[in-house]
């Protein structure tokens, strides 16, 4: 009875997960879809590199140690995250200035040339 109940619970959870993945993939929620696919690809790659029990063991160890480490060093981690956010923001601005604006200007120039030809 317990095994059947557990199997039904796991089946319901898997069906719910598949339904959620289908909804995310068919709607226009691309950032969530890309994030999910990147996480699944990462898990797949890591899974190919090690045994399942090793993977579970590392997951349990990380689940037990990371929250404690975060609680002890919360202020340092937040400062580091703010520093990284600012660094990536500047990096994005540089890329935007050098590459994206040039691409936009080229597209606009091509559109103007097409209008002049017509």
PDB file of N, CA and C in Angstrom:
ATOM      1  N   UNK A   1       0.828  -1.202   0.000  1.00  0.00           N
ATOM      2  CA  UNK A   1       0.000   0.000   0.000  1.00  0.00           C
ATOM      3  C   UNK A   1       0.872   1.266   0.000  1.00  0.00           C
ATOM      4  N   UNK A   2       1.910   1.234   0.828  1.00  0.00           N
ATOM      5  CA  UNK A   2       2.808   2.401   0.894  1.00  0.00           C
ATOM      6  C   UNK A   2       3.546   2.596  -0.422  1.00  0.00           C
ATOM      7  N   UNK A   3       3.995   1.512  -1.038  1.00  0.00           N
ATOM      8  CA  UNK A   3       4.703   1.604  -2.316  1.00  0.00           C
ATOM      9  C   UNK A   3       3.785   2.150  -3.405  1.00  0.00           C
ATOM     10  N   UNK A   4       2.536   1.694  -3.426  1.00  0.00           N
ATOM     11  CA  UNK A   4       1.584   2.182  -4.429  1.00  0.00           C
ATOM     12  C   UNK A   4       1.315   3.669  -4.229  1.00  0.00           C
ATOM     13  N   UNK A   5       1.137   4.070  -2.980  1.00  0.00           N
ATOM     14  CA  UNK A   5       0.894   5.482  -2.686  1.00  0.00           C
ATOM     15  C   UNK A   5       2.105   6.339  -3.090  1.00  0.00           C
ATOM     16  N   UNK A   6       3.322   5.819  -2.811  1.00  0.00           N
ATOM     17  CA  UNK A   6       4.540   6.536  -3.188  1.00  0.00           C
ATOM     18  C   UNK A   6       4.657   6.639  -4.707  1.00  0.00           C
ATOM     19  N   UNK A   7       4.339   5.544  -5.409  1.00  0.00           N
ATOM     20  CA  UNK A   7       4.403   5.544  -6.871  1.00  0.00           C
ATOM     21  C   UNK A   7       3.411   6.536  -7.452  1.00  0.00           C
ATOM     22  N   UNK A   8       2.209   6.610  -6.900  1.00  0.00           N
ATOM     23  CA  UNK A   8       1.212   7.570  -7.380  1.00  0.00           C
ATOM     24  C   UNK A   8       1.669   9.001  -7.135  1.00  0.00           C
ATOM     25  N   UNK A   9       2.290   9.250  -5.992  1.00  0.00           N
ATOM     26  CA  UNK A   9       2.781  10.591  -5.681  1.00  0.00           C
ATOM     27  C   UNK A   9       3.890  10.998  -6.641  1.00  0.00           C
ATOM     28  N   UNK A  10       4.824  10.082  -6.876  1.00  0.00           N
ATOM     29  CA  UNK A  10       5.929  10.373  -7.799  1.00  0.00           C
ATOM     30  C   UNK A  10       5.395  10.578  -9.212  1.00  0.00           C
ATOM     31  N   UNK A  11       4.435   9.758  -9.624  1.00  0.00           N
ATOM     32  CA  UNK A  11       3.851   9.902 -10.956  1.00  0.00           C
ATOM     33  C   UNK A  11       3.151  11.250 -11.100  1.00  0.00           C
ATOM     34  N   UNK A  12       2.408  11.658 -10.085  1.00  0.00           N
ATOM     35  CA  UNK A  12       1.737  12.956 -10.135  1.00  0.00           C
ATOM     36  C   UNK A  12       2.753  14.088 -10.209  1.00  0.00           C
ATOM     37  N   UNK A  13       3.846  13.964  -9.462  1.00  0.00           N
ATOM     38  CA  UNK A  13       4.884  14.997  -9.491  1.00  0.00           C
ATOM     39  C   UNK A  13       5.540  15.077 -10.861  1.00  0.00           C
ATOM     40  N   UNK A  14       5.821  13.922 -11.471  1.00  0.00           N
ATOM     41  CA  UNK A  14       6.434  13.902 -12.806  1.00  0.00           C
ATOM     42  C   UNK A  14       5.476  14.486 -13.836  1.00  0.00           C
ATOM     43  N   UNK A  15       4.196  14.123 -13.774  1.00  0.00           N
ATOM     44  CA  UNK A  15       3.218  14.678 -14.711  1.00  0.00           C
ATOM     45  C   UNK A  15       3.104  16.188 -14.558  1.00  0.00           C
ATOM     46  N   UNK A  16       3.108  16.668 -13.327  1.00  0.00           N
ATOM     47  CA  UNK A  16       3.053  18.106 -13.074  1.00  0.00           C
ATOM     48  C   UNK A  16       4.282  18.804 -13.635  1.00  0.00           C
ATOM     49  N   UNK A  17       5.453  18.206 -13.493  1.00  0.00           N
ATOM     50  CA  UNK A  17       6.691  18.774 -14.019  1.00  0.00           C
ATOM     51  C   UNK A  17       6.671  18.821 -15.540  1.00  0.00           C
ATOM     52  N   UNK A  18       6.207  17.742 -16.156  1.00  0.00           N
ATOM     53  CA  UNK A  18       6.138  17.710 -17.619  1.00  0.00           C
ATOM     54  C   UNK A  18       5.144  18.744 -18.131  1.00  0.00           C
ATOM     55  N   UNK A  19       4.016  18.874 -17.455  1.00  0.00           N
ATOM     56  CA  UNK A  19       3.028  19.874 -17.844  1.00  0.00           C
ATOM     57  C   UNK A  19       3.611  21.282 -17.731  1.00  0.00           C
ATOM     58  N   UNK A  20       4.362  21.543 -16.639  1.00  0.00           N
ATOM     59  CA  UNK A  20       4.986  22.857 -16.457  1.00  0.00           C
ATOM     60  C   UNK A  20       6.013  23.116 -17.549  1.00  0.00           C
ATOM     61  N   UNK A  21       6.844  22.104 -17.884  1.00  0.00           N
ATOM     62  CA  UNK A  21       7.828  22.274 -18.956  1.00  0.00           C
ATOM     63  C   UNK A  21       7.137  22.543 -20.293  1.00  0.00           C
ATOM     64  N   UNK A  22       6.024  21.868 -20.546  1.00  0.00           N
ATOM     65  CA  UNK A  22       5.291  22.093 -21.789  1.00  0.00           C
ATOM     66  C   UNK A  22       4.745  23.519 -21.848  1.00  0.00           C
ATOM     67  N   UNK A  23       4.190  23.987 -20.742  1.00  0.00           N
ATOM     68  CA  UNK A  23       3.650  25.349 -20.699  1.00  0.00           C
ATOM     69  C   UNK A  23       4.755  26.364 -20.916  1.00  0.00           C
ATOM     70  N   UNK A  24       5.891  26.171 -20.264  1.00  0.00           N
ATOM     71  CA  UNK A  24       7.011  27.103 -20.406  1.00  0.00           C
ATOM     72  C   UNK A  24       7.540  27.096 -21.830  1.00  0.00           C
ATOM     73  N   UNK A  25       7.610  25.922 -22.465  1.00  0.00           N
ATOM     74  CA  UNK A  25       8.187  25.849 -23.807  1.00  0.00           C
ATOM     75  C   UNK A  25       7.243  26.379 -24.881  1.00  0.00           C
ATOM     76  N   UNK A  26       5.939  26.301 -24.679  1.00  0.00           N
ATOM     77  CA  UNK A  26       5.022  26.741 -25.719  1.00  0.00           C
ATOM     78  C   UNK A  26       4.626  28.204 -25.609  1.00  0.00           C
ATOM     79  N   UNK A  27       4.709  28.759 -24.430  1.00  0.00           N
ATOM     80  CA  UNK A  27       4.335  30.166 -24.283  1.00  0.00           C
ATOM     81  C   UNK A  27       5.533  31.038 -24.582  1.00  0.00           C
ATOM     82  N   UNK A  28       5.380  32.342 -24.479  1.00  0.00           N
ATOM     83  CA  UNK A  28       6.449  33.271 -24.823  1.00  0.00           C
ATOM     84  C   UNK A  28       7.299  33.644 -23.614  1.00  0.00           C
ATOM     85  N   UNK A  29       7.522  32.696 -22.738  1.00  0.00           N
ATOM     86  CA  UNK A  29       8.333  32.934 -21.549  1.00  0.00           C
ATOM     87  C   UNK A  29       9.743  32.395 -21.805  1.00  0.00           C
ATOM     88  N   UNK A  30      10.457  32.991 -22.764  1.00  0.00           N
ATOM     89  CA  UNK A  30      11.739  32.486 -23.208  1.00  0.00           C
ATOM     90  C   UNK A  30      12.833  32.499 -22.141  1.00  0.00           C
ATOM     91  N   UNK A  31      12.959  33.522 -21.309  1.00  0.00           N
ATOM     92  CA  UNK A  31      14.033  33.475 -20.301  1.00  0.00           C
ATOM     93  C   UNK A  31      13.904  32.282 -19.359  1.00  0.00           C
ATOM     94  N   UNK A  32      12.691  31.961 -18.956  1.00  0.00           N
ATOM     95  CA  UNK A  32      12.487  30.800 -18.079  1.00  0.00           C
ATOM     96  C   UNK A  32      12.809  29.520 -18.835  1.00  0.00           C
ATOM     97  N   UNK A  33      12.381  29.436 -20.086  1.00  0.00           N
ATOM     98  CA  UNK A  33      12.650  28.254 -20.901  1.00  0.00           C
ATOM     99  C   UNK A  33      14.143  28.035 -21.087  1.00  0.00           C
ATOM    100  N   UNK A  34      14.862  29.096 -21.404  1.00  0.00           N
ATOM    101  CA  UNK A  34      16.307  28.986 -21.607  1.00  0.00           C
ATOM    102  C   UNK A  34      17.000  28.600 -20.299  1.00  0.00           C
ATOM    103  N   UNK A  35      16.551  29.169 -19.186  1.00  0.00           N
ATOM    104  CA  UNK A  35      17.124  28.818 -17.894  1.00  0.00           C
ATOM    105  C   UNK A  35      16.911  27.358 -17.550  1.00  0.00           C
ATOM    106  N   UNK A  36      15.700  26.865 -17.803  1.00  0.00           N
ATOM    107  CA  UNK A  36      15.391  25.463 -17.522  1.00  0.00           C
ATOM    108  C   UNK A  36      16.241  24.553 -18.398  1.00  0.00           C
ATOM    109  N   UNK A  37      16.352  24.882 -19.684  1.00  0.00           N
ATOM    110  CA  UNK A  37      17.146  24.044 -20.572  1.00  0.00           C
ATOM    111  C   UNK A  37      18.622  24.068 -20.191  1.00  0.00           C
ATOM    112  N   UNK A  38      19.128  25.215 -19.774  1.00  0.00           N
ATOM    113  CA  UNK A  38      20.531  25.294 -19.354  1.00  0.00           C
ATOM    114  C   UNK A  38      20.770  24.454 -18.104  1.00  0.00           C
ATOM    115  N   UNK A  39      19.842  24.505 -17.162  1.00  0.00           N
ATOM    116  CA  UNK A  39      19.992  23.691 -15.949  1.00  0.00           C
ATOM    117  C   UNK A  39      19.923  22.203 -16.272  1.00  0.00           C
ATOM    118  N   UNK A  40      18.995  21.802 -17.136  1.00  0.00           N
ATOM    119  CA  UNK A  40      18.898  20.393 -17.508  1.00  0.00           C
ATOM    120  C   UNK A  40      20.141  19.928 -18.253  1.00  0.00           C
ATOM    121  N   UNK A  41      20.685  20.784 -19.122  1.00  0.00           N
ATOM    122  CA  UNK A  41      21.903  20.440 -19.838  1.00  0.00           C
ATOM    123  C   UNK A  41      23.072  20.293 -18.876  1.00  0.00           C
ATOM    124  N   UNK A  42      23.162  21.185 -17.893  1.00  0.00           N
ATOM    125  CA  UNK A  42      24.230  21.105 -16.899  1.00  0.00           C
ATOM    126  C   UNK A  42      24.106  19.825 -16.074  1.00  0.00           C
ATOM    127  N   UNK A  43      22.902  19.521 -15.622  1.00  0.00           N
ATOM    128  CA  UNK A  43      22.687  18.296 -14.847  1.00  0.00           C
ATOM    129  C   UNK A  43      23.027  17.070 -15.692  1.00  0.00           C
ATOM    130  N   UNK A  44      22.678  17.095 -16.962  1.00  0.00           N
ATOM    131  CA  UNK A  44      22.986  15.980 -17.844  1.00  0.00           C
ATOM    132  C   UNK A  44      24.492  15.806 -18.003  1.00  0.00           C
ATOM    133  N   UNK A  45      25.182  16.913 -18.198  1.00  0.00           N
ATOM    134  CA  UNK A  45      26.641  16.849 -18.369  1.00  0.00           C
ATOM    135  C   UNK A  45      27.320  16.336 -17.100  1.00  0.00           C
ATOM    136  N   UNK A  46      26.920  16.854 -15.955  1.00  0.00           N
ATOM    137  CA  UNK A  46      27.492  16.403 -14.686  1.00  0.00           C
ATOM    138  C   UNK A  46      27.132  14.936 -14.445  1.00  0.00           C
ATOM    139  N   UNK A  47      25.933  14.547 -14.792  1.00  0.00           N
ATOM    140  CA  UNK A  47      25.511  13.161 -14.627  1.00  0.00           C
ATOM    141  C   UNK A  47      26.318  12.186 -15.482  1.00  0.00           C
ATOM    142  N   UNK A  48      26.761  12.649 -16.651  1.00  0.00           N
ATOM    143  CA  UNK A  48      27.598  11.798 -17.493  1.00  0.00           C
ATOM    144  C   UNK A  48      29.000  11.636 -16.933  1.00  0.00           C
ATOM    145  N   UNK A  49      29.433  12.580 -16.114  1.00  0.00           N
ATOM    146  CA  UNK A  49      30.792  12.543 -15.574  1.00  0.00           C
ATOM    147  C   UNK A  49      30.915  11.714 -14.301  1.00  0.00           C
ATOM    148  N   UNK A  50      29.820  11.408 -13.640  1.00  0.00           N
ATOM    149  CA  UNK A  50      29.917  10.669 -12.375  1.00  0.00           C
ATOM    150  C   UNK A  50      28.738   9.724 -12.195  1.00  0.00           C
ATOM    151  N   UNK A  51      28.878   8.872 -11.220  1.00  0.00           N
ATOM    152  CA  UNK A  51      27.854   7.898 -10.874  1.00  0.00           C
ATOM    153  C   UNK A  51      26.681   8.602 -10.181  1.00  0.00           C
ATOM    154  N   UNK A  52      25.485   8.021 -10.261  1.00  0.00           N
ATOM    155  CA  UNK A  52      24.297   8.632  -9.671  1.00  0.00           C
ATOM    156  C   UNK A  52      24.425   8.779  -8.160  1.00  0.00           C
ATOM    157  N   UNK A  53      24.962   7.758  -7.489  1.00  0.00           N
ATOM    158  CA  UNK A  53      25.112   7.832  -6.038  1.00  0.00           C
ATOM    159  C   UNK A  53      26.089   8.925  -5.630  1.00  0.00           C
ATOM    160  N   UNK A  54      27.158   9.100  -6.399  1.00  0.00           N
ATOM    161  CA  UNK A  54      28.104  10.180  -6.125  1.00  0.00           C
ATOM    162  C   UNK A  54      27.421  11.528  -6.297  1.00  0.00           C
ATOM    163  N   UNK A  55      26.627  11.639  -7.345  1.00  0.00           N
ATOM    164  CA  UNK A  55      25.897  12.880  -7.604  1.00  0.00           C
ATOM    165  C   UNK A  55      24.937  13.197  -6.455  1.00  0.00           C
ATOM    166  N   UNK A  56      24.222  12.202  -5.980  1.00  0.00           N
ATOM    167  CA  UNK A  56      23.298  12.398  -4.850  1.00  0.00           C
ATOM    168  C   UNK A  56      24.074  12.759  -3.588  1.00  0.00           C
ATOM    169  N   UNK A  57      25.210  12.094  -3.351  1.00  0.00           N
ATOM    170  CA  UNK A  57      26.031  12.373  -2.177  1.00  0.00           C
ATOM    171  C   UNK A  57      26.516  13.819  -2.179  1.00  0.00           C
ATOM    172  N   UNK A  58      27.014  14.279  -3.316  1.00  0.00           N
ATOM    173  CA  UNK A  58      27.471  15.670  -3.421  1.00  0.00           C
ATOM    174  C   UNK A  58      26.307  16.626  -3.212  1.00  0.00           C
ATOM    175  N   UNK A  59      25.134  16.291  -3.748  1.00  0.00           N
ATOM    176  CA  UNK A  59      23.955  17.126  -3.554  1.00  0.00           C
ATOM    177  C   UNK A  59      23.555  17.233  -2.094  1.00  0.00           C
ATOM    178  N   UNK A  60      23.601  16.114  -1.380  1.00  0.00           N
ATOM    179  CA  UNK A  60      23.246  16.131   0.043  1.00  0.00           C
ATOM    180  C   UNK A  60      24.260  16.944   0.836  1.00  0.00           C
ATOM    181  N   UNK A  61      25.548  16.754   0.549  1.00  0.00           N
ATOM    182  CA  UNK A  61      26.572  17.537   1.245  1.00  0.00           C
ATOM    183  C   UNK A  61      26.419  19.031   0.981  1.00  0.00           C
ATOM    184  N   UNK A  62      26.173  19.385  -0.270  1.00  0.00           N
ATOM    185  CA  UNK A  62      25.989  20.801  -0.596  1.00  0.00           C
ATOM    186  C   UNK A  62      24.737  21.344   0.080  1.00  0.00           C
ATOM    187  N   UNK A  63      23.684  20.562   0.100  1.00  0.00           N
ATOM    188  CA  UNK A  63      22.446  20.999   0.737  1.00  0.00           C
ATOM    189  C   UNK A  63      22.578  21.196   2.230  1.00  0.00           C
ATOM    190  N   UNK A  64      23.512  20.466   2.848  1.00  0.00           N
ATOM    191  CA  UNK A  64      23.697  20.592   4.288  1.00  0.00           C
ATOM    192  C   UNK A  64      24.705  21.677   4.659  1.00  0.00           C
ATOM    193  N   UNK A  65      25.685  21.936   3.800  1.00  0.00           N
ATOM    194  CA  UNK A  65      26.745  22.887   4.160  1.00  0.00           C
ATOM    195  C   UNK A  65      26.538  24.288   3.611  1.00  0.00           C
ATOM    196  N   UNK A  66      25.967  24.411   2.428  1.00  0.00           N
ATOM    197  CA  UNK A  66      25.833  25.742   1.823  1.00  0.00           C
ATOM    198  C   UNK A  66      24.925  26.685   2.612  1.00  0.00           C
ATOM    199  N   UNK A  67      23.777  26.253   3.127  1.00  0.00           N
ATOM    200  CA  UNK A  67      22.961  27.182   3.913  1.00  0.00           C
ATOM    201  C   UNK A  67      23.673  27.685   5.169  1.00  0.00           C
ATOM    202  N   UNK A  68      24.405  26.817   5.843  1.00  0.00           N
ATOM    203  CA  UNK A  68      25.133  27.227   7.047  1.00  0.00           C
ATOM    204  C   UNK A  68      26.228  28.221   6.684  1.00  0.00           C
ATOM    205  N   UNK A  69      26.956  27.931   5.610  1.00  0.00           N
ATOM    206  CA  UNK A  69      28.012  28.836   5.159  1.00  0.00           C
ATOM    207  C   UNK A  69      27.421  30.187   4.770  1.00  0.00           C
ATOM    208  N   UNK A  70      26.274  30.182   4.100  1.00  0.00           N
ATOM    209  CA  UNK A  70      25.639  31.437   3.704  1.00  0.00           C
ATOM    210  C   UNK A  70      25.209  32.239   4.934  1.00  0.00           C
ATOM    211  N   UNK A  71      24.656  31.566   5.919  1.00  0.00           N
ATOM    212  CA  UNK A  71      24.212  32.282   7.122  1.00  0.00           C
ATOM    213  C   UNK A  71      25.389  32.908   7.866  1.00  0.00           C
ATOM    214  N   UNK A  72      26.520  32.226   7.900  1.00  0.00           N
ATOM    215  CA  UNK A  72      27.689  32.760   8.592  1.00  0.00           C
ATOM    216  C   UNK A  72      28.312  33.945   7.842  1.00  0.00           C
ATOM    217  N   UNK A  73      28.289  33.900   6.531  1.00  0.00           N
ATOM    218  CA  UNK A  73      28.978  34.900   5.713  1.00  0.00           C
ATOM    219  C   UNK A  73      28.021  35.687   4.828  1.00  0.00           C
ATOM    220  N   UNK A  74      26.821  35.927   5.297  1.00  0.00           N
ATOM    221  CA  UNK A  74      25.792  36.563   4.474  1.00  0.00           C
ATOM    222  C   UNK A  74      26.207  37.946   3.988  1.00  0.00           C
ATOM    223  N   UNK A  75      26.774  38.769   4.870  1.00  0.00           N
ATOM    224  CA  UNK A  75      27.148  40.122   4.471  1.00  0.00           C
ATOM    225  C   UNK A  75      28.270  40.106   3.440  1.00  0.00           C
ATOM    226  N   UNK A  76      29.253  39.235   3.584  1.00  0.00           N
ATOM    227  CA  UNK A  76      30.344  39.142   2.611  1.00  0.00           C
ATOM    228  C   UNK A  76      29.821  38.672   1.257  1.00  0.00           C
ATOM    229  N   UNK A  77      28.918  37.708   1.274  1.00  0.00           N
ATOM    230  CA  UNK A  77      28.368  37.175   0.029  1.00  0.00           C
ATOM    231  C   UNK A  77      27.533  38.242  -0.678  1.00  0.00           C
ATOM    232  N   UNK A  78      26.754  39.006   0.076  1.00  0.00           N
ATOM    233  CA  UNK A  78      25.942  40.069  -0.533  1.00  0.00           C
ATOM    234  C   UNK A  78      26.826  41.144  -1.147  1.00  0.00           C
ATOM    235  N   UNK A  79      27.907  41.520  -0.441  1.00  0.00           N
ATOM    236  CA  UNK A  79      28.832  42.514  -0.998  1.00  0.00           C
ATOM    237  C   UNK A  79      29.469  41.990  -2.278  1.00  0.00           C
ATOM    238  N   UNK A  80      29.846  40.726  -2.266  1.00  0.00           N
ATOM    239  CA  UNK A  80      30.448  40.120  -3.456  1.00  0.00           C
ATOM    240  C   UNK A  80      29.451  40.096  -4.614  1.00  0.00           C
ATOM    241  N   UNK A  81      28.203  39.771  -4.322  1.00  0.00           N
ATOM    242  CA  UNK A  81      27.180  39.737  -5.376  1.00  0.00           C
ATOM    243  C   UNK A  81      26.927  41.134  -5.943  1.00  0.00           C
ATOM    244  N   UNK A  82      26.912  42.143  -5.093  1.00  0.00           N
ATOM    245  CA  UNK A  82      26.751  43.515  -5.566  1.00  0.00           C
ATOM    246  C   UNK A  82      27.921  43.918  -6.445  1.00  0.00           C
ATOM    247  N   UNK A  83      29.136  43.541  -6.034  1.00  0.00           N
ATOM    248  CA  UNK A  83      30.324  43.857  -6.816  1.00  0.00           C
ATOM    249  C   UNK A  83      30.248  43.175  -8.187  1.00  0.00           C
ATOM    250  N   UNK A  84      29.839  41.892  -8.220  1.00  0.00           N
ATOM    251  CA  UNK A  84      29.698  41.171  -9.481  1.00  0.00           C
ATOM    252  C   UNK A  84      28.614  41.791 -10.357  1.00  0.00           C
ATOM    253  N   UNK A  85      27.508  42.193  -9.736  1.00  0.00           N
ATOM    254  CA  UNK A  85      26.416  42.813 -10.490  1.00  0.00           C
ATOM    255  C   UNK A  85      26.896  44.100 -11.166  1.00  0.00           C
ATOM    256  N   UNK A  86      27.640  44.920 -10.436  1.00  0.00           N
ATOM    257  CA  UNK A  86      28.168  46.164 -11.005  1.00  0.00           C
ATOM    258  C   UNK A  86      29.175  45.868 -12.117  1.00  0.00           C
ATOM    259  N   UNK A  87      30.016  44.873 -11.914  1.00  0.00           N
ATOM    260  CA  UNK A  87      31.013  44.519 -12.917  1.00  0.00           C
ATOM    261  C   UNK A  87      30.337  44.035 -14.205  1.00  0.00           C
ATOM    262  N   UNK A  88      29.333  43.172 -14.072  1.00  0.00           N
ATOM    263  CA  UNK A  88      28.623  42.687 -15.252  1.00  0.00           C
ATOM    264  C   UNK A  88      27.789  43.788 -15.898  1.00  0.00           C
ATOM    265  N   UNK A  89      27.302  44.713 -15.115  1.00  0.00           N
ATOM    266  CA  UNK A  89      26.557  45.846 -15.664  1.00  0.00           C
ATOM    267  C   UNK A  89      27.477  46.690 -16.543  1.00  0.00           C
ATOM    268  N   UNK A  90      28.701  46.964 -16.055  1.00  0.00           N
ATOM    269  CA  UNK A  90      29.669  47.707 -16.864  1.00  0.00           C
ATOM    270  C   UNK A  90      30.064  46.916 -18.100  1.00  0.00           C
ATOM    271  N   UNK A  91      30.242  45.607 -17.954  1.00  0.00           N
ATOM    272  CA  UNK A  91      30.586  44.760 -19.086  1.00  0.00           C
ATOM    273  C   UNK A  91      29.483  44.797 -20.139  1.00  0.00           C
ATOM    274  N   UNK A  92      28.227  44.738 -19.708  1.00  0.00           N
ATOM    275  CA  UNK A  92      27.104  44.813 -20.640  1.00  0.00           C
ATOM    276  C   UNK A  92      27.077  46.161 -21.344  1.00  0.00           C
ATOM    277  N   UNK A  93      27.345  47.240 -20.613  1.00  0.00           N
ATOM    278  CA  UNK A  93      27.357  48.569 -21.226  1.00  0.00           C
ATOM    279  C   UNK A  93      28.435  48.672 -22.297  1.00  0.00           C
ATOM    280  N   UNK A  94      29.595  48.074 -22.034  1.00  0.00           N
ATOM    281  CA  UNK A  94      30.678  48.084 -23.027  1.00  0.00           C
ATOM    282  C   UNK A  94      30.266  47.306 -24.260  1.00  0.00           C
ATOM    283  N   UNK A  95      29.687  46.130 -24.072  1.00  0.00           N
ATOM    284  CA  UNK A  95      29.235  45.327 -25.216  1.00  0.00           C
ATOM    285  C   UNK A  95      28.124  46.055 -25.962  1.00  0.00           C
ATOM    286  N   UNK A  96      27.211  46.660 -25.222  1.00  0.00           N
ATOM    287  CA  UNK A  96      26.119  47.403 -25.847  1.00  0.00           C
ATOM    288  C   UNK A  96      26.668  48.546 -26.686  1.00  0.00           C
ATOM    289  N   UNK A  97      27.638  49.251 -26.146  1.00  0.00           N
ATOM    290  CA  UNK A  97      28.202  50.399 -26.847  1.00  0.00           C
ATOM    291  C   UNK A  97      28.972  49.968 -28.087  1.00  0.00           C
ATOM    292  N   UNK A  98      29.765  48.912 -27.973  1.00  0.00           N
ATOM    293  CA  UNK A  98      30.628  48.511 -29.078  1.00  0.00           C
ATOM    294  C   UNK A  98      29.920  47.675 -30.137  1.00  0.00           C
ATOM    295  N   UNK A  99      29.074  46.771 -29.736  1.00  0.00           N
ATOM    296  CA  UNK A  99      28.521  45.824 -30.698  1.00  0.00           C
ATOM    297  C   UNK A  99      27.065  46.080 -31.034  1.00  0.00           C
ATOM    298  N   UNK A 100      26.222  46.161 -30.030  1.00  0.00           N
ATOM    299  CA  UNK A 100      24.778  46.218 -30.285  1.00  0.00           C
ATOM    300  C   UNK A 100      24.387  47.512 -30.981  1.00  0.00           C
ATOM    301  N   UNK A 101      24.957  48.631 -30.559  1.00  0.00           N
ATOM    302  CA  UNK A 101      24.618  49.904 -31.215  1.00  0.00           C
ATOM    303  C   UNK A 101      25.084  49.922 -32.663  1.00  0.00           C
ATOM    304  N   UNK A 102      26.243  49.308 -32.955  1.00  0.00           N
ATOM    305  CA  UNK A 102      26.712  49.236 -34.334  1.00  0.00           C
ATOM    306  C   UNK A 102      25.780  48.389 -35.191  1.00  0.00           C
ATOM    307  N   UNK A 103      25.317  47.288 -34.636  1.00  0.00           N
ATOM    308  CA  UNK A 103      24.400  46.420 -35.379  1.00  0.00           C
ATOM    309  C   UNK A 103      23.088  47.154 -35.636  1.00  0.00           C
ATOM    310  N   UNK A 104      22.576  47.858 -34.620  1.00  0.00           N
ATOM    311  CA  UNK A 104      21.332  48.612 -34.807  1.00  0.00           C
ATOM    312  C   UNK A 104      21.503  49.696 -35.861  1.00  0.00           C
ATOM    313  N   UNK A 105      22.642  50.393 -35.844  1.00  0.00           N
ATOM    314  CA  UNK A 105      22.854  51.452 -36.831  1.00  0.00           C
ATOM    315  C   UNK A 105      22.961  50.864 -38.240  1.00  0.00           C
ATOM    316  N   UNK A 106      23.588  49.706 -38.392  1.00  0.00           N
ATOM    317  CA  UNK A 106      23.674  49.061 -39.699  1.00  0.00           C
ATOM    318  C   UNK A 106      22.290  48.660 -40.204  1.00  0.00           C
ATOM    319  N   UNK A 107      21.474  48.127 -39.318  1.00  0.00           N
ATOM    320  CA  UNK A 107      20.123  47.727 -39.711  1.00  0.00           C
ATOM    321  C   UNK A 107      19.317  48.950 -40.129  1.00  0.00           C
ATOM    322  N   UNK A 108      19.439  50.040 -39.358  1.00  0.00           N
ATOM    323  CA  UNK A 108      18.718  51.256 -39.715  1.00  0.00           C
ATOM    324  C   UNK A 108      19.207  51.810 -41.040  1.00  0.00           C
ATOM    325  N   UNK A 109      20.513  51.759 -41.288  1.00  0.00           N
ATOM    326  CA  UNK A 109      21.055  52.232 -42.562  1.00  0.00           C
ATOM    327  C   UNK A 109      20.557  51.379 -43.719  1.00  0.00           C
ATOM    328  N   UNK A 110      20.478  50.073 -43.532  1.00  0.00           N
ATOM    329  CA  UNK A 110      19.955  49.199 -44.583  1.00  0.00           C
ATOM    330  C   UNK A 110      18.483  49.489 -44.860  1.00  0.00           C
ATOM    331  N   UNK A 111      17.716  49.756 -43.816  1.00  0.00           N
ATOM    332  CA  UNK A 111      16.301  50.087 -44.000  1.00  0.00           C
ATOM    333  C   UNK A 111      16.146  51.397 -44.749  1.00  0.00           C
ATOM    334  N   UNK A 112      16.992  52.387 -44.448  1.00  0.00           N
ATOM    335  CA  UNK A 112      16.922  53.663 -45.158  1.00  0.00           C
ATOM    336  C   UNK A 112      17.293  53.484 -46.627  1.00  0.00           C
ATOM    337  N   UNK A 113      18.287  52.632 -46.913  1.00  0.00           N
ATOM    338  CA  UNK A 113      18.675  52.394 -48.298  1.00  0.00           C
ATOM    339  C   UNK A 113      17.547  51.714 -49.068  1.00  0.00           C
ATOM    340  N   UNK A 114      16.844  50.787 -48.423  1.00  0.00           N
ATOM    341  CA  UNK A 114      15.719  50.112 -49.071  1.00  0.00           C
ATOM    342  C   UNK A 114      14.597  51.094 -49.353  1.00  0.00           C
ATOM    343  N   UNK A 115      14.354  52.026 -48.439  1.00  0.00           N
ATOM    344  CA  UNK A 115      13.306  53.024 -48.654  1.00  0.00           C
ATOM    345  C   UNK A 115      13.664  53.951 -49.797  1.00  0.00           C
ATOM    346  N   UNK A 116      14.951  54.324 -49.913  1.00  0.00           N
ATOM    347  CA  UNK A 116      15.386  55.194 -50.998  1.00  0.00           C
ATOM    348  C   UNK A 116      15.268  54.509 -52.342  1.00  0.00           C
ATOM    349  N   UNK A 117      15.531  53.208 -52.381  1.00  0.00           N
ATOM    350  CA  UNK A 117      15.447  52.458 -53.644  1.00  0.00           C
ATOM    351  C   UNK A 117      13.993  52.371 -54.110  1.00  0.00           C
ATOM    352  N   UNK A 118      13.073  52.232 -53.168  1.00  0.00           N
ATOM    353  CA  UNK A 118      11.663  52.121 -53.539  1.00  0.00           C
ATOM    354  C   UNK A 118      11.200  53.453 -54.024  1.00  0.00           C
TER     355      UNK A 118
END
